[in-house]
Protein backbone atom coordinates (compact mmCIF):
# COMPACT_ATOMS: atom_id res chain seq x y z
CA MET A 1 77.58 -30.19 -20.14
CA SER A 2 76.63 -26.97 -18.54
CA ASN A 3 78.03 -25.83 -15.04
CA THR A 4 74.45 -26.19 -13.54
CA LYS A 5 74.18 -29.66 -14.68
CA VAL A 6 77.71 -30.64 -13.47
CA THR A 7 76.90 -29.22 -9.98
CA ARG A 8 73.29 -30.94 -9.74
CA GLN A 9 75.21 -34.38 -10.64
CA ALA A 10 77.64 -33.62 -8.09
CA LYS A 11 75.43 -32.96 -5.33
CA ARG A 12 73.77 -36.17 -6.48
CA ASP A 13 76.50 -38.31 -6.41
CA TYR A 14 77.46 -36.93 -2.71
CA GLN A 15 74.16 -37.79 -1.41
CA LEU A 16 74.25 -41.25 -2.78
CA SER A 17 77.75 -42.02 -1.60
CA SER A 18 76.86 -40.40 2.09
CA CYS A 19 73.56 -42.84 1.79
CA ILE A 20 75.40 -45.96 1.01
CA ALA A 21 78.11 -45.35 3.44
CA GLU A 22 75.69 -44.65 6.47
CA SER A 23 72.82 -47.22 5.62
CA PHE A 24 74.02 -50.04 3.41
CA THR A 25 76.10 -53.24 3.94
CA GLN A 26 76.13 -54.16 0.38
CA VAL A 27 74.73 -52.50 -2.77
CA GLU A 28 74.29 -53.01 -6.73
CA ARG A 29 74.02 -50.13 -8.94
CA MET A 30 72.08 -49.71 -12.54
CA ASP A 31 72.66 -46.63 -14.61
CA ARG A 32 69.98 -46.70 -17.50
CA PHE A 33 67.83 -43.93 -19.41
CA ASN A 34 69.56 -41.15 -17.41
CA THR A 35 68.41 -42.79 -14.10
CA ILE A 36 70.67 -44.31 -11.28
CA LEU A 37 69.22 -46.99 -9.21
CA VAL A 38 71.03 -48.35 -6.16
CA PHE A 39 69.54 -51.25 -4.38
CA GLY A 40 70.58 -53.59 -1.52
CA GLN A 41 70.60 -54.77 2.05
CA MET A 42 70.96 -52.22 5.05
CA THR A 43 72.31 -52.23 8.18
CA ASN A 44 69.17 -52.97 9.87
CA GLY A 45 68.64 -55.97 7.71
CA ARG A 46 65.93 -54.58 5.44
CA TYR A 47 66.29 -53.52 1.90
CA GLY A 48 66.52 -50.21 0.43
CA VAL A 49 66.30 -48.47 -2.98
CA LEU A 50 67.92 -45.04 -4.04
CA THR A 51 66.98 -43.33 -7.53
CA ALA A 52 68.13 -40.26 -9.05
CA THR A 53 68.16 -38.87 -12.31
CA ASP A 54 70.64 -36.56 -14.36
CA ASN A 55 68.09 -33.78 -14.33
CA SER A 56 67.94 -33.59 -10.44
CA SER A 57 70.37 -33.07 -7.76
CA ARG A 58 67.69 -34.89 -5.07
CA VAL A 59 68.04 -38.57 -4.14
CA GLU A 60 64.67 -40.39 -3.61
CA TRP A 61 64.71 -43.22 -1.06
CA LEU A 62 62.48 -46.28 -0.53
CA GLY A 63 62.42 -49.13 1.92
CA PHE A 64 61.22 -52.47 1.70
CA TYR A 65 60.79 -55.29 4.48
CA ASN A 66 62.34 -57.95 2.13
CA ILE A 67 64.09 -58.76 -1.12
CA THR A 68 60.69 -59.80 -2.84
CA GLU A 69 59.17 -56.60 -2.39
CA MET A 70 62.23 -54.78 -3.54
CA GLU A 71 62.79 -56.85 -6.54
CA THR A 72 59.18 -56.42 -7.55
CA TRP A 73 59.29 -52.39 -7.35
CA ILE A 74 62.47 -52.66 -9.37
CA ILE A 75 60.79 -54.68 -12.18
CA GLN A 76 57.93 -52.33 -12.27
CA LYS A 77 60.21 -49.25 -12.37
CA TRP A 78 62.32 -50.29 -15.25
CA ASN A 79 59.22 -51.50 -17.20
CA SER A 80 57.70 -48.12 -16.80
CA LEU A 81 60.78 -46.55 -17.85
CA LEU A 82 60.93 -48.62 -21.01
CA ILE A 83 57.55 -47.57 -21.92
CA ASP A 84 58.37 -44.05 -21.22
CA ILE A 85 61.36 -44.21 -23.61
CA GLU A 86 59.50 -46.13 -26.35
CA ASP A 87 56.49 -43.53 -26.24
CA ALA A 88 59.21 -40.77 -26.55
CA ILE A 89 60.82 -42.43 -29.53
CA LYS A 90 57.52 -43.13 -31.39
CA SER A 91 56.63 -39.47 -30.78
CA ALA A 92 60.02 -38.08 -31.94
CA GLU A 93 59.75 -40.34 -35.09
CA ALA A 94 56.40 -39.16 -35.70
CA ARG A 95 57.29 -35.52 -35.62
CA ALA A 96 60.03 -36.12 -37.87
CA ALA A 97 58.00 -37.79 -40.55
CA GLY A 98 55.63 -35.06 -40.64
CA HIS A 99 51.93 -35.01 -40.92
CA THR A 100 49.60 -37.18 -43.14
CA LEU A 101 47.07 -34.68 -43.93
CA LYS A 102 46.04 -33.69 -47.51
CA VAL A 103 44.22 -31.12 -49.34
CA GLY A 104 40.54 -31.50 -48.71
CA ASP A 105 40.70 -33.16 -45.38
CA THR A 106 38.36 -31.93 -42.71
CA LEU A 107 39.47 -31.14 -39.29
CA TYR A 108 37.42 -30.29 -36.08
CA THR A 109 38.29 -28.92 -32.64
CA SER A 110 35.94 -29.34 -29.58
CA TRP A 111 36.49 -27.04 -26.40
CA GLY A 112 34.35 -25.59 -23.53
CA TYR A 113 33.63 -25.99 -19.90
CA ASP A 114 30.16 -25.48 -19.42
CA GLN A 115 28.99 -26.26 -22.82
CA THR A 116 31.01 -28.16 -25.82
CA ASN A 117 31.77 -25.88 -28.54
CA VAL A 118 32.95 -27.32 -31.96
CA SER A 119 34.33 -25.70 -35.04
CA PHE A 120 35.39 -27.22 -38.44
CA TYR A 121 38.44 -26.53 -40.69
CA ARG A 122 39.19 -27.78 -44.14
CA VAL A 123 42.72 -28.06 -45.56
CA VAL A 124 43.27 -26.05 -48.79
CA ALA A 125 47.06 -26.62 -49.21
CA VAL A 126 49.91 -28.61 -48.03
CA PRO A 127 53.24 -26.32 -48.11
CA SER A 128 55.20 -28.86 -46.33
CA LYS A 129 55.29 -32.05 -44.34
CA HIS A 130 55.31 -29.94 -41.16
CA ARG A 131 52.69 -27.50 -42.02
CA VAL A 132 49.14 -27.05 -43.72
CA ASP A 133 47.00 -24.02 -44.95
CA VAL A 134 43.34 -24.43 -43.27
CA VAL A 135 40.22 -22.29 -43.42
CA GLU A 136 37.29 -22.49 -41.20
CA ILE A 137 34.07 -23.93 -42.58
CA ASP A 138 30.64 -23.62 -41.56
CA GLN A 139 28.29 -26.36 -39.79
CA THR A 140 24.89 -27.91 -39.37
CA VAL A 141 23.74 -29.07 -35.93
CA ASP A 142 21.59 -31.93 -35.56
CA VAL A 143 19.53 -31.01 -32.29
CA GLU A 144 18.95 -34.12 -30.12
CA ASN A 145 17.46 -32.73 -26.96
CA MET A 146 17.07 -29.18 -25.22
CA SER A 147 20.82 -28.90 -24.55
CA SER A 148 22.88 -30.95 -26.93
CA GLY A 149 22.95 -32.42 -30.32
CA ARG A 150 25.47 -33.49 -33.14
CA THR A 151 27.27 -31.14 -35.54
CA TYR A 152 28.30 -31.75 -38.99
CA PRO A 153 30.87 -29.97 -41.25
CA GLY A 154 29.38 -27.82 -44.21
CA LEU A 155 30.81 -26.43 -47.40
CA LYS A 156 30.79 -22.82 -47.10
CA VAL A 157 34.13 -20.95 -45.93
CA ILE A 158 33.39 -18.82 -43.04
CA GLY A 159 37.13 -17.81 -41.96
CA LYS A 160 40.50 -16.62 -43.79
CA VAL A 161 43.09 -19.06 -44.79
CA GLU A 162 45.77 -19.70 -42.02
CA ARG A 163 49.00 -21.61 -42.09
CA LYS A 164 49.47 -23.92 -39.07
CA PRO A 165 51.89 -26.50 -37.66
CA ALA A 166 50.84 -30.17 -38.18
CA ARG A 167 51.68 -33.37 -36.61
CA GLU A 168 50.52 -36.94 -37.79
CA ASN A 169 46.83 -36.34 -38.39
CA ARG A 170 46.37 -33.20 -36.38
CA VAL A 171 47.04 -29.27 -36.65
CA VAL A 172 48.38 -27.66 -33.61
CA ASN A 173 46.64 -24.67 -32.32
CA ILE A 174 44.28 -24.41 -34.92
CA ASP A 175 41.84 -21.88 -33.51
CA GLY A 176 44.37 -19.61 -31.40
CA ARG A 177 43.21 -20.97 -28.15
CA ASP A 178 45.74 -23.78 -27.89
CA ASN A 179 43.14 -26.26 -29.28
CA SER A 180 44.16 -28.92 -31.74
CA GLY A 181 42.42 -29.63 -34.87
CA TYR A 182 41.87 -33.33 -35.27
CA PHE A 183 41.29 -35.34 -38.45
CA TYR A 184 37.38 -35.76 -39.15
CA ALA A 185 36.91 -39.19 -41.08
CA PRO A 186 34.49 -38.95 -43.96
CA ASP A 187 32.26 -41.63 -42.45
CA ARG A 188 32.12 -40.12 -39.08
CA LYS A 189 28.34 -39.25 -37.68
CA GLY A 190 29.09 -35.87 -36.49
CA VAL A 191 30.61 -34.29 -33.22
CA TYR A 192 28.92 -33.98 -29.96
CA CYS A 193 28.15 -30.60 -28.95
CA SER A 194 26.18 -28.83 -26.05
CA TRP A 195 24.99 -25.42 -25.24
CA ASP A 196 23.21 -23.77 -21.96
CA ARG A 197 19.46 -24.27 -21.82
C-alpha cells in the first residue's frame, strides 16, 4: 500500500472518529466494497450517516429526521453499490474473454455535432482475441429528405488495413478520433446519417 493511500486513510479515520465522538450517542459500522458506512443516533435525537471510501480522505455527512429515512437511504446505497460491483465484474470478464468478431464482419461508427457522419469497416483478419485487422469500405446513401437519410455498407475498399484493439463486438478507436466501431448486423436496415442543407 502506498504512503499516499495510507495518509488518506489515516485522515479519513481521524475524521470519522472525531465526528462519532462529537455527534453520536451510538453507531453501527459497515465496511463493504471499499466503502465505510457509519450510522446511528445523534446527540440531538436525529439520525446520521457518515460515508467514506478507501480512495478519499474526505468523509461525507448526511442527516435524517427519523430512523426510517435513514434505513431507506442505506438500503438504496448498498443496492447501488451492488449494481456497480456487478457491472464492473461483467466488464472485466468481458475484457478477459476478448472479442466475438470474425473475418467478414462489418462495423460502423457514427459521429458529428451539426451533422451525423457514418463510416463502415470490414474485419479482414483476427490475429488475437483482443485485436482485429480492419479496413474502411465505401457506402451507399439512401436519401430520405433534404438533410438526412440512411447509409449502407458497400463492397469497395477505400482505406488501408489497420490493426485495432477489440472488445466484445466492437473495435476501440477505429477511426483515430476515439470513436468505437460497432457490429453492423447483416439484417440491419442501414444507419441514420445527416448533413447540412
